Amino acid sequence: MRAKPRRSWRRLSTNDSSRGSFTVELVVLSPVIALFLLVTLTFGRYALAREQVVGGARAAAAAAAVAGSAVQAQQAAIAAAMPVLQSDHSCTDPVVDVDTSSFDSGADVRVSVSCRVDLSDLVVPGLPGSTTVRAVEVAPIDPYRMIEP
């Protein structure tokens, strides 16, 4: 009876030329993966802030459009926008500007909302430390409504 030849584990494993290639691939791809994650976080933070600014502008315009006077419209717009803008920490230094120069029945009230998005903690090459997000909403004032002087 003939004995089976013993196979060497070394021959059955991967050949010597590919030894350590996983380590090299990991070293090369790790910065690329980290940069991809940081860019994803940056755009996510910007999108969240943009959503807050648009929501704040809509709420402010709707509140200003039903106010009884121009002064009340400004107060109502700021009161409606601030909770939306301060609901998360992605929006800093919010500014609400209400244009009530033509606050009369049938006219429009225009609300501009802006805030700063801080990106300095995400170290992404080529991106600024912060950026400003702005949104403008216009709401019509009821033409059959009496406006207080």
Protein backbone atom coordinates (compact mmCIF):
# COMPACT_ATOMS: atom_id res chain seq x y z
CA MET A 1 0.00 0.00 0.00
CA ARG A 2 1.24 3.37 -0.91
CA ALA A 3 1.29 6.22 1.61
CA LYS A 4 -0.32 9.48 0.72
CA PRO A 5 2.09 12.35 0.36
CA ARG A 6 1.77 14.92 3.12
CA ARG A 7 0.80 18.35 1.99
CA SER A 8 2.54 21.28 3.48
CA TRP A 9 0.30 23.88 5.05
CA ARG A 10 2.59 26.50 3.67
CA ARG A 11 1.81 25.43 0.12
CA LEU A 12 -1.93 25.39 0.75
CA SER A 13 -2.02 28.86 2.26
CA THR A 14 -1.76 32.02 0.21
CA ASN A 15 1.43 32.46 -1.66
CA ASP A 16 4.23 34.56 -0.22
CA SER A 17 3.79 37.47 -2.63
CA SER A 18 0.40 38.44 -1.16
CA ARG A 19 1.48 38.30 2.48
CA GLY A 20 0.91 41.64 4.21
CA SER A 21 -1.22 43.07 1.42
CA PHE A 22 -4.19 43.45 3.75
CA THR A 23 -2.12 45.66 6.02
CA VAL A 24 -1.02 47.85 3.12
CA GLU A 25 -4.60 48.14 1.85
CA LEU A 26 -5.80 49.07 5.32
CA VAL A 27 -3.13 51.75 5.71
CA VAL A 28 -3.93 53.21 2.29
CA LEU A 29 -7.72 53.12 2.62
CA SER A 30 -8.09 54.29 6.24
CA PRO A 31 -7.57 58.02 5.48
CA VAL A 32 -9.94 57.78 2.51
CA ILE A 33 -12.64 56.18 4.65
CA ALA A 34 -12.10 58.73 7.45
CA LEU A 35 -12.35 61.64 4.98
CA PHE A 36 -15.54 60.16 3.50
CA LEU A 37 -17.09 59.93 6.98
CA LEU A 38 -16.10 63.52 7.84
CA VAL A 39 -17.54 64.85 4.57
CA THR A 40 -20.75 62.90 5.23
CA LEU A 41 -21.01 64.43 8.72
CA THR A 42 -20.37 67.90 7.28
CA PHE A 43 -23.13 67.66 4.69
CA GLY A 44 -25.48 66.11 7.25
CA ARG A 45 -24.93 68.99 9.65
CA TYR A 46 -25.47 71.52 6.84
CA ALA A 47 -28.67 69.77 5.72
CA LEU A 48 -30.03 69.71 9.28
CA ALA A 49 -29.31 73.42 9.73
CA ARG A 50 -30.90 74.19 6.36
CA GLU A 51 -34.02 72.28 7.37
CA GLN A 52 -34.21 74.22 10.65
CA VAL A 53 -33.79 77.58 8.92
CA VAL A 54 -36.49 76.84 6.35
CA GLY A 55 -38.84 75.58 9.07
CA GLY A 56 -38.14 78.63 11.21
CA ALA A 57 -38.77 80.97 8.29
CA ARG A 58 -42.08 79.27 7.46
CA ALA A 59 -43.24 79.40 11.06
CA ALA A 60 -42.20 83.05 11.38
CA ALA A 61 -43.94 84.10 8.17
CA ALA A 62 -47.15 82.32 9.14
CA ALA A 63 -47.13 83.91 12.59
CA ALA A 64 -46.37 87.38 11.23
CA ALA A 65 -49.15 87.14 8.63
CA VAL A 66 -51.87 86.71 11.27
CA ALA A 67 -50.61 89.41 13.64
CA GLY A 68 -52.70 92.49 14.26
CA SER A 69 -50.00 95.11 13.68
CA ALA A 70 -46.47 95.48 12.35
CA VAL A 71 -44.97 95.48 15.85
CA GLN A 72 -46.95 92.39 16.81
CA ALA A 73 -45.87 90.75 13.54
CA GLN A 74 -42.20 91.19 14.39
CA GLN A 75 -42.68 89.85 17.90
CA ALA A 76 -44.76 86.90 16.70
CA ALA A 77 -42.26 86.02 13.98
CA ILE A 78 -39.33 85.94 16.39
CA ALA A 79 -41.34 83.98 18.95
CA ALA A 80 -42.33 81.40 16.32
CA ALA A 81 -38.89 81.01 14.72
CA MET A 82 -36.63 80.75 17.76
CA PRO A 83 -37.89 77.39 19.12
CA VAL A 84 -37.40 75.83 15.69
CA LEU A 85 -33.93 77.28 15.28
CA GLN A 86 -32.78 76.35 18.77
CA SER A 87 -34.13 72.80 18.74
CA ASP A 88 -30.72 71.40 17.84
CA HIS A 89 -27.18 72.68 18.25
CA SER A 90 -26.33 72.77 14.55
CA CYS A 91 -27.71 76.31 14.16
CA THR A 92 -25.85 79.02 16.08
CA ASP A 93 -26.37 82.79 16.17
CA PRO A 94 -29.87 82.80 14.60
CA VAL A 95 -31.13 86.06 13.08
CA VAL A 96 -34.80 86.71 12.21
CA ASP A 97 -35.54 89.75 10.06
CA VAL A 98 -39.17 90.69 9.41
CA ASP A 99 -40.00 93.16 6.64
CA THR A 100 -43.20 94.90 7.69
CA SER A 101 -42.71 98.02 5.57
CA SER A 102 -45.93 97.32 3.67
CA PHE A 103 -47.93 95.67 6.45
CA ASP A 104 -51.47 96.19 5.17
CA SER A 105 -54.47 94.09 4.14
CA GLY A 106 -53.70 92.15 0.98
CA ALA A 107 -49.94 92.82 1.16
CA ASP A 108 -47.21 90.34 1.88
CA VAL A 109 -45.00 89.97 4.92
CA ARG A 110 -41.45 88.85 4.18
CA VAL A 111 -39.33 87.00 6.75
CA SER A 112 -35.63 86.29 6.35
CA VAL A 113 -33.96 83.80 8.71
CA SER A 114 -30.25 83.01 8.87
CA CYS A 115 -27.90 81.16 11.16
CA ARG A 116 -24.29 80.07 11.31
CA VAL A 117 -23.33 76.41 11.00
CA ASP A 118 -20.14 75.59 12.86
CA LEU A 119 -17.92 73.12 10.97
CA SER A 120 -14.66 73.79 12.81
CA ASP A 121 -14.80 70.59 14.86
CA LEU A 122 -14.91 68.53 11.66
CA VAL A 123 -11.45 68.86 10.19
CA VAL A 124 -12.13 68.50 6.47
CA PRO A 125 -9.51 69.91 4.12
CA GLY A 126 -10.81 72.69 1.91
CA LEU A 127 -13.95 73.46 3.93
CA PRO A 128 -14.40 76.65 5.96
CA GLY A 129 -14.74 76.64 9.74
CA SER A 130 -18.33 77.84 9.48
CA THR A 131 -20.93 78.78 6.91
CA THR A 132 -24.16 80.76 6.96
CA VAL A 133 -27.51 79.30 5.96
CA ARG A 134 -30.34 81.64 4.88
CA ALA A 135 -33.99 81.21 3.95
CA VAL A 136 -36.66 83.71 2.96
CA GLU A 137 -40.41 83.10 3.21
CA VAL A 138 -43.26 85.32 2.09
CA ALA A 139 -46.80 85.01 3.47
CA PRO A 140 -49.86 86.94 2.32
CA ILE A 141 -51.85 89.01 4.78
CA ASP A 142 -55.59 88.41 4.57
CA PRO A 143 -57.07 91.09 2.24
CA TYR A 144 -60.37 91.22 4.21
CA ARG A 145 -58.77 91.77 7.57
CA MET A 146 -58.60 95.00 9.54
CA ILE A 147 -55.04 96.03 10.37
CA GLU A 148 -54.42 97.93 13.61
CA PRO A 149 -52.54 101.20 13.19
